[in-house]
Amino acid sequence: MKTNFFIAALSVLLFSSCEQKEMKISQSDYSVVAELNDVSPAYILKNDEGKVELKKNSLIGNTHWVLSVERNLTLEDIAPSLQKLTEKKFKVGGMHEDTKDIYLVYSDTVHKQNAYVKIPFTSIATDEPPVYELAAGVQSLHLSTIDEAKSVSNSNAVHTYLLSLDKKMSTATFANILIELEKKQIAKNINGEVYVY
């Protein structure tokens, strides 16, 4: 009897210790990219102390880096981690050029699958952009909401969009803004540096 109780208690202990915390990623009703090969994962989440943490031990150069990010974090929370990742991925002067991109994974709730959206910039500045006169074909975009992204029109007269984002937006809003910019075929014309403030 004692042996059965010991085995049952040990089973409960093992089961509870193996339980993993579920990460809640962003959601959308649209898949930008449904399948992605040649990837390395990274995670941005809150640790047990409540601090935002970047887990990037599995990143391999010249693969697509796929970020899983808790959807309730703000852009301000994750900007330092995104800054580190873009600096590492797109560093100038490295021995070998990294030809792959960084993607954000999210859940397509309609098709019940994970999907991916490319992060369309290669560096992040965490301050307000400088004020200067825009050249012809350049448009400044400051986005705070998904509705603002939906209202942006793609113009043939615009060759470059200077993007700045509200640091208070959630990661879920950030993901859906990137999805809208892809849908409108604006993402490919985003300037390499984005401002988060």
Protein backbone atom coordinates (compact mmCIF):
# COMPACT_ATOMS: atom_id res chain seq x y z
CA MET A 1 0.00 0.00 0.00
CA LYS A 2 2.82 2.39 0.90
CA THR A 3 4.50 1.58 -2.44
CA ASN A 4 1.33 2.45 -4.41
CA PHE A 5 0.95 5.72 -2.50
CA PHE A 6 4.64 6.55 -3.11
CA ILE A 7 4.30 5.83 -6.86
CA ALA A 8 1.11 7.92 -7.09
CA ALA A 9 2.71 10.82 -5.22
CA LEU A 10 5.84 10.61 -7.39
CA SER A 11 3.68 10.59 -10.56
CA VAL A 12 1.80 13.70 -9.44
CA LEU A 13 5.07 15.43 -8.59
CA LEU A 14 6.63 14.54 -11.95
CA PHE A 15 3.50 15.58 -13.84
CA SER A 16 3.32 18.95 -12.11
CA SER A 17 7.05 19.62 -12.54
CA CYS A 18 6.83 18.85 -16.28
CA GLU A 19 3.96 21.29 -16.73
CA GLN A 20 5.14 24.14 -18.94
CA LYS A 21 3.86 27.67 -18.90
CA GLU A 22 1.84 28.39 -22.03
CA MET A 23 2.86 31.46 -23.99
CA LYS A 24 -0.03 33.50 -25.37
CA ILE A 25 1.05 34.87 -28.75
CA SER A 26 -0.71 37.45 -30.92
CA GLN A 27 -3.74 36.49 -32.99
CA SER A 28 -5.16 37.46 -36.37
CA ASP A 29 -7.67 36.17 -38.90
CA TYR A 30 -5.17 36.20 -41.78
CA SER A 31 -1.99 34.29 -42.64
CA VAL A 32 0.76 36.37 -44.24
CA VAL A 33 3.12 33.37 -44.43
CA ALA A 34 1.69 29.98 -43.49
CA GLU A 35 4.87 27.93 -43.76
CA LEU A 36 8.46 28.90 -43.10
CA ASN A 37 11.54 26.71 -43.45
CA ASP A 38 15.13 27.09 -42.29
CA VAL A 39 14.28 28.76 -38.97
CA SER A 40 15.74 29.36 -35.51
CA PRO A 41 13.46 30.22 -32.56
CA ALA A 42 13.75 33.03 -30.01
CA TYR A 43 11.35 34.02 -27.24
CA ILE A 44 10.50 37.29 -25.52
CA LEU A 45 8.56 36.77 -22.30
CA LYS A 46 8.26 37.79 -18.67
CA ASN A 47 10.34 35.67 -16.31
CA ASP A 48 9.27 34.58 -12.82
CA GLU A 49 10.46 37.93 -11.40
CA GLY A 50 8.25 39.84 -13.86
CA LYS A 51 11.15 41.13 -15.97
CA VAL A 52 11.08 40.92 -19.77
CA GLU A 53 13.60 38.40 -20.97
CA LEU A 54 14.99 37.45 -24.40
CA LYS A 55 15.76 33.75 -24.83
CA LYS A 56 17.87 33.39 -27.95
CA ASN A 57 20.14 30.43 -27.26
CA SER A 58 18.95 28.54 -30.34
CA LEU A 59 19.60 31.27 -32.93
CA ILE A 60 21.70 30.18 -35.88
CA GLY A 61 23.14 32.61 -38.40
CA ASN A 62 21.73 32.67 -41.93
CA THR A 63 18.42 31.13 -40.88
CA HIS A 64 15.11 32.96 -40.48
CA TRP A 65 14.74 33.98 -36.85
CA VAL A 66 11.22 33.36 -35.56
CA LEU A 67 10.14 35.32 -32.49
CA SER A 68 7.46 34.11 -30.13
CA VAL A 69 6.40 37.06 -28.01
CA GLU A 70 3.81 37.26 -25.23
CA ARG A 71 0.97 39.31 -26.69
CA ASN A 72 0.32 41.34 -23.52
CA LEU A 73 3.80 42.90 -23.50
CA THR A 74 4.09 46.43 -24.84
CA LEU A 75 6.36 47.54 -27.65
CA GLU A 76 8.29 49.49 -25.03
CA ASP A 77 8.87 46.19 -23.17
CA ILE A 78 10.18 44.33 -26.21
CA ALA A 79 11.99 47.15 -28.07
CA PRO A 80 15.36 46.54 -26.31
CA SER A 81 15.20 42.84 -27.25
CA LEU A 82 14.23 43.66 -30.83
CA GLN A 83 17.10 46.15 -30.90
CA LYS A 84 19.59 43.45 -29.86
CA LEU A 85 18.24 40.98 -32.38
CA THR A 86 18.29 43.38 -35.33
CA GLU A 87 21.82 44.52 -34.43
CA LYS A 88 23.01 40.91 -34.31
CA LYS A 89 21.13 39.80 -37.43
CA PHE A 90 21.92 42.73 -39.68
CA LYS A 91 25.34 43.82 -38.39
CA VAL A 92 27.46 45.51 -41.02
CA GLY A 93 30.98 44.28 -41.61
CA GLY A 94 30.48 40.68 -40.55
CA MET A 95 32.40 37.90 -42.25
CA HIS A 96 29.30 36.53 -43.95
CA GLU A 97 26.20 38.43 -44.98
CA ASP A 98 23.04 37.09 -43.34
CA THR A 99 20.46 36.88 -46.13
CA LYS A 100 17.54 35.70 -43.97
CA ASP A 101 14.94 37.73 -42.06
CA ILE A 102 13.29 38.06 -38.66
CA TYR A 103 9.66 36.95 -38.39
CA LEU A 104 7.04 37.27 -35.67
CA VAL A 105 4.91 34.17 -35.13
CA TYR A 106 1.20 34.59 -34.40
CA SER A 107 -1.93 32.45 -34.38
CA ASP A 108 -4.28 32.55 -37.38
CA THR A 109 -7.56 31.88 -35.58
CA VAL A 110 -9.57 31.29 -38.78
CA HIS A 111 -7.29 28.63 -40.26
CA LYS A 112 -6.27 27.37 -36.79
CA GLN A 113 -2.56 27.45 -37.50
CA ASN A 114 0.53 29.42 -36.68
CA ALA A 115 1.47 32.05 -39.24
CA TYR A 116 4.41 34.43 -39.66
CA VAL A 117 4.85 38.08 -40.52
CA LYS A 118 8.22 39.54 -41.47
CA ILE A 119 9.60 42.38 -39.38
CA PRO A 120 10.20 44.91 -42.18
CA PHE A 121 12.99 46.93 -40.59
CA THR A 122 16.63 46.24 -39.77
CA SER A 123 17.17 48.59 -36.82
CA ILE A 124 15.24 50.28 -34.03
CA ALA A 125 15.71 53.69 -32.45
CA THR A 126 13.97 54.16 -29.10
CA ASP A 127 13.58 57.89 -29.32
CA GLU A 128 11.57 60.41 -31.30
CA PRO A 129 12.64 60.78 -34.94
CA PRO A 130 14.45 63.96 -35.93
CA VAL A 131 12.43 66.63 -37.71
CA TYR A 132 13.56 67.24 -41.26
CA GLU A 133 12.05 68.01 -44.62
CA LEU A 134 10.97 64.88 -46.45
CA ALA A 135 12.24 64.27 -49.96
CA ALA A 136 9.86 63.54 -52.82
CA GLY A 137 8.56 59.98 -52.62
CA VAL A 138 9.05 59.73 -48.84
CA GLN A 139 6.12 59.64 -46.41
CA SER A 140 6.22 59.64 -42.62
CA LEU A 141 3.92 57.19 -40.79
CA HIS A 142 3.29 57.24 -37.05
CA LEU A 143 1.05 54.34 -36.07
CA SER A 144 -0.59 53.63 -32.72
CA THR A 145 -3.58 51.45 -33.66
CA ILE A 146 -4.62 48.79 -36.13
CA ASP A 147 -7.28 51.14 -37.54
CA GLU A 148 -4.57 53.69 -38.37
CA ALA A 149 -2.67 51.00 -40.28
CA LYS A 150 -5.86 50.00 -42.11
CA SER A 151 -6.43 53.62 -43.19
CA VAL A 152 -2.98 54.01 -44.79
CA SER A 153 -3.22 53.96 -48.56
CA ASN A 154 -0.49 52.55 -50.75
CA SER A 155 0.54 55.20 -53.25
CA ASN A 156 2.75 54.70 -56.29
CA ALA A 157 4.17 58.15 -55.56
CA VAL A 158 5.65 56.90 -52.25
CA HIS A 159 8.88 54.90 -52.50
CA THR A 160 9.81 54.94 -48.81
CA TYR A 161 7.75 55.02 -45.63
CA LEU A 162 9.46 56.34 -42.50
CA LEU A 163 7.76 54.32 -39.79
CA SER A 164 7.45 55.25 -36.15
CA LEU A 165 5.40 53.30 -33.62
CA ASP A 166 3.75 54.14 -30.31
CA LYS A 167 5.73 52.43 -27.54
CA LYS A 168 2.55 51.90 -25.47
CA MET A 169 0.94 49.54 -28.02
CA SER A 170 0.69 45.87 -27.16
CA THR A 171 2.62 43.21 -29.03
CA ALA A 172 -0.73 41.99 -30.37
CA THR A 173 -1.38 45.43 -31.90
CA PHE A 174 2.19 45.55 -33.24
CA ALA A 175 1.75 42.15 -34.94
CA ASN A 176 -1.56 43.18 -36.50
CA ILE A 177 -0.11 46.47 -37.75
CA LEU A 178 2.68 44.50 -39.48
CA ILE A 179 0.02 42.21 -40.98
CA GLU A 180 -1.95 45.22 -42.31
CA LEU A 181 1.20 46.74 -43.82
CA GLU A 182 1.86 43.41 -45.59
CA LYS A 183 -1.72 43.19 -46.86
CA LYS A 184 -1.44 46.69 -48.32
CA GLN A 185 2.01 45.89 -49.81
CA ILE A 186 3.53 48.78 -47.87
CA ALA A 187 5.88 46.70 -45.73
CA LYS A 188 8.39 46.25 -48.56
CA ASN A 189 8.84 50.04 -48.71
CA ILE A 190 9.42 50.58 -44.98
CA ASN A 191 12.71 52.33 -44.24
CA GLY A 192 15.33 50.16 -42.54
CA GLU A 193 15.16 52.10 -39.28
CA VAL A 194 11.97 52.34 -37.25
CA TYR A 195 11.39 54.67 -34.30
CA VAL A 196 9.62 53.49 -31.17
CA TYR A 197 8.62 56.29 -28.78
